[in-house]
Amino acid sequence: MGIKLYYTSVTASRTVKSQQGEVRRLLDSKSIQYELIDISAGSELRDDMRSKSGNPAAVPPQLFNEDQYCGDYEMFSEAVEADTVEQFLKLA
């Protein structure tokens, strides 16, 4: 599968939880299939997400097309507002 959404099922942050939910709802509403990768399942997944994004402090949600970094919530949100989600996700 192409699109990967790194998220966490364990967070005390309401902001992270709400951002993750919003990304999922928007992807679902556009019928874009994606794979969920839960970084709380192991620190190696979190480290992998941070390494691939090039940001040692990256927090979910983070979006990738295969191993190509697309961006974080803020960048995704800007793409939604500009109606360029497919380009943002490197689908077009």
C-alpha atoms as a PDB file:
ATOM      1  CA  MET A   1       0.000   0.000   0.000  1.00  0.00           C
ATOM      2  CA  GLY A   2       1.243   3.480  -0.811  1.00  0.00           C
ATOM      3  CA  ILE A   3       0.116   5.935   1.856  1.00  0.00           C
ATOM      4  CA  LYS A   4       1.315   5.331   5.403  1.00  0.00           C
ATOM      5  CA  LEU A   5      -0.043   7.236   8.369  1.00  0.00           C
ATOM      6  CA  TYR A   6       2.149   7.067  11.438  1.00  0.00           C
ATOM      7  CA  TYR A   7       0.000   7.631  14.525  1.00  0.00           C
ATOM      8  CA  THR A   8      -0.139   6.639  18.174  1.00  0.00           C
ATOM      9  CA  SER A   9      -2.953   4.876  19.974  1.00  0.00           C
ATOM     10  CA  VAL A  10      -1.481   5.962  23.320  1.00  0.00           C
ATOM     11  CA  THR A  11      -1.269   9.699  23.903  1.00  0.00           C
ATOM     12  CA  ALA A  12      -2.166  12.138  26.646  1.00  0.00           C
ATOM     13  CA  SER A  13      -2.179  14.962  24.112  1.00  0.00           C
ATOM     14  CA  ARG A  14      -5.646  16.020  22.982  1.00  0.00           C
ATOM     15  CA  THR A  15      -4.028  17.914  20.116  1.00  0.00           C
ATOM     16  CA  VAL A  16      -2.294  14.816  18.713  1.00  0.00           C
ATOM     17  CA  LYS A  17      -5.462  12.739  19.141  1.00  0.00           C
ATOM     18  CA  SER A  18      -7.616  15.327  17.355  1.00  0.00           C
ATOM     19  CA  GLN A  19      -5.093  15.861  14.537  1.00  0.00           C
ATOM     20  CA  GLN A  20      -4.850  12.117  13.946  1.00  0.00           C
ATOM     21  CA  GLY A  21      -8.636  11.841  13.811  1.00  0.00           C
ATOM     22  CA  GLU A  22      -8.925  14.727  11.391  1.00  0.00           C
ATOM     23  CA  VAL A  23      -6.302  13.272   9.020  1.00  0.00           C
ATOM     24  CA  ARG A  24      -8.076   9.900   9.031  1.00  0.00           C
ATOM     25  CA  ARG A  25     -11.502  11.480   8.403  1.00  0.00           C
ATOM     26  CA  LEU A  26     -10.183  13.535   5.493  1.00  0.00           C
ATOM     27  CA  LEU A  27      -8.391  10.583   3.909  1.00  0.00           C
ATOM     28  CA  ASP A  28     -11.532   8.465   4.328  1.00  0.00           C
ATOM     29  CA  SER A  29     -13.749  11.201   2.854  1.00  0.00           C
ATOM     30  CA  LYS A  30     -11.514  11.325  -0.230  1.00  0.00           C
ATOM     31  CA  SER A  31     -11.482   7.490  -0.460  1.00  0.00           C
ATOM     32  CA  ILE A  32      -7.690   7.464  -0.168  1.00  0.00           C
ATOM     33  CA  GLN A  33      -6.499   4.109   1.126  1.00  0.00           C
ATOM     34  CA  TYR A  34      -3.774   4.199   3.750  1.00  0.00           C
ATOM     35  CA  GLU A  35      -1.920   1.947   6.135  1.00  0.00           C
ATOM     36  CA  LEU A  36      -1.940   2.820   9.834  1.00  0.00           C
ATOM     37  CA  ILE A  37       1.364   2.392  11.663  1.00  0.00           C
ATOM     38  CA  ASP A  38       1.041   2.682  15.436  1.00  0.00           C
ATOM     39  CA  ILE A  39       4.318   3.978  16.866  1.00  0.00           C
ATOM     40  CA  SER A  40       3.215   3.044  20.398  1.00  0.00           C
ATOM     41  CA  ALA A  41       3.717  -0.625  19.406  1.00  0.00           C
ATOM     42  CA  GLY A  42       7.483  -0.183  19.680  1.00  0.00           C
ATOM     43  CA  SER A  43      10.174   2.466  19.929  1.00  0.00           C
ATOM     44  CA  GLU A  44      11.746   1.216  16.686  1.00  0.00           C
ATOM     45  CA  LEU A  45       8.608   2.359  14.796  1.00  0.00           C
ATOM     46  CA  ARG A  46       8.849   5.815  16.370  1.00  0.00           C
ATOM     47  CA  ASP A  47      12.556   5.988  15.566  1.00  0.00           C
ATOM     48  CA  ASP A  48      11.836   4.854  11.986  1.00  0.00           C
ATOM     49  CA  MET A  49       9.186   7.583  11.580  1.00  0.00           C
ATOM     50  CA  ARG A  50      11.560  10.234  12.909  1.00  0.00           C
ATOM     51  CA  SER A  51      14.446   9.026  10.790  1.00  0.00           C
ATOM     52  CA  LYS A  52      12.390   8.959   7.563  1.00  0.00           C
ATOM     53  CA  SER A  53      10.886  12.401   8.263  1.00  0.00           C
ATOM     54  CA  GLY A  54      14.321  13.880   8.943  1.00  0.00           C
ATOM     55  CA  ASN A  55      13.089  15.301  12.253  1.00  0.00           C
ATOM     56  CA  PRO A  56      14.387  13.721  15.477  1.00  0.00           C
ATOM     57  CA  ALA A  57      11.513  15.325  17.423  1.00  0.00           C
ATOM     58  CA  ALA A  58       8.664  14.468  15.005  1.00  0.00           C
ATOM     59  CA  VAL A  59       5.339  13.556  16.597  1.00  0.00           C
ATOM     60  CA  PRO A  60       2.370  11.876  14.936  1.00  0.00           C
ATOM     61  CA  PRO A  61       0.532  12.203  12.699  1.00  0.00           C
ATOM     62  CA  GLN A  62       3.170  11.916   9.943  1.00  0.00           C
ATOM     63  CA  LEU A  63       2.339  10.971   6.348  1.00  0.00           C
ATOM     64  CA  PHE A  64       4.423   9.035   3.842  1.00  0.00           C
ATOM     65  CA  ASN A  65       3.973   7.606   0.366  1.00  0.00           C
ATOM     66  CA  GLU A  66       5.847   4.333   0.768  1.00  0.00           C
ATOM     67  CA  ASP A  67       9.122   5.641   2.249  1.00  0.00           C
ATOM     68  CA  GLN A  68       8.840   9.131   0.738  1.00  0.00           C
ATOM     69  CA  TYR A  69       8.060  11.754   3.371  1.00  0.00           C
ATOM     70  CA  CYS A  70       4.964  13.812   2.561  1.00  0.00           C
ATOM     71  CA  GLY A  71       4.632  15.872   5.721  1.00  0.00           C
ATOM     72  CA  ASP A  72       3.082  16.394   9.121  1.00  0.00           C
ATOM     73  CA  TYR A  73      -0.362  17.570  10.211  1.00  0.00           C
ATOM     74  CA  GLU A  74       0.289  21.259   9.506  1.00  0.00           C
ATOM     75  CA  MET A  75       1.476  20.549   5.968  1.00  0.00           C
ATOM     76  CA  PHE A  76      -1.456  18.185   5.373  1.00  0.00           C
ATOM     77  CA  SER A  77      -3.892  20.806   6.647  1.00  0.00           C
ATOM     78  CA  GLU A  78      -2.445  23.411   4.258  1.00  0.00           C
ATOM     79  CA  ALA A  79      -2.817  20.949   1.358  1.00  0.00           C
ATOM     80  CA  VAL A  80      -6.462  20.353   2.300  1.00  0.00           C
ATOM     81  CA  GLU A  81      -7.159  24.098   2.301  1.00  0.00           C
ATOM     82  CA  ALA A  82      -5.408  24.514  -1.063  1.00  0.00           C
ATOM     83  CA  ASP A  83      -7.212  21.408  -2.432  1.00  0.00           C
ATOM     84  CA  THR A  84      -3.861  19.785  -3.288  1.00  0.00           C
ATOM     85  CA  VAL A  85      -4.063  16.647  -1.123  1.00  0.00           C
ATOM     86  CA  GLU A  86      -3.291  14.277  -4.014  1.00  0.00           C
ATOM     87  CA  GLN A  87      -0.152  16.250  -4.911  1.00  0.00           C
ATOM     88  CA  PHE A  88       0.835  16.482  -1.234  1.00  0.00           C
ATOM     89  CA  LEU A  89       0.559  12.697  -0.926  1.00  0.00           C
ATOM     90  CA  LYS A  90       2.502  12.266  -4.186  1.00  0.00           C
ATOM     91  CA  LEU A  91      -0.460  10.495  -5.808  1.00  0.00           C
ATOM     92  CA  ALA A  92      -0.757  12.883  -8.760  1.00  0.00           C
END
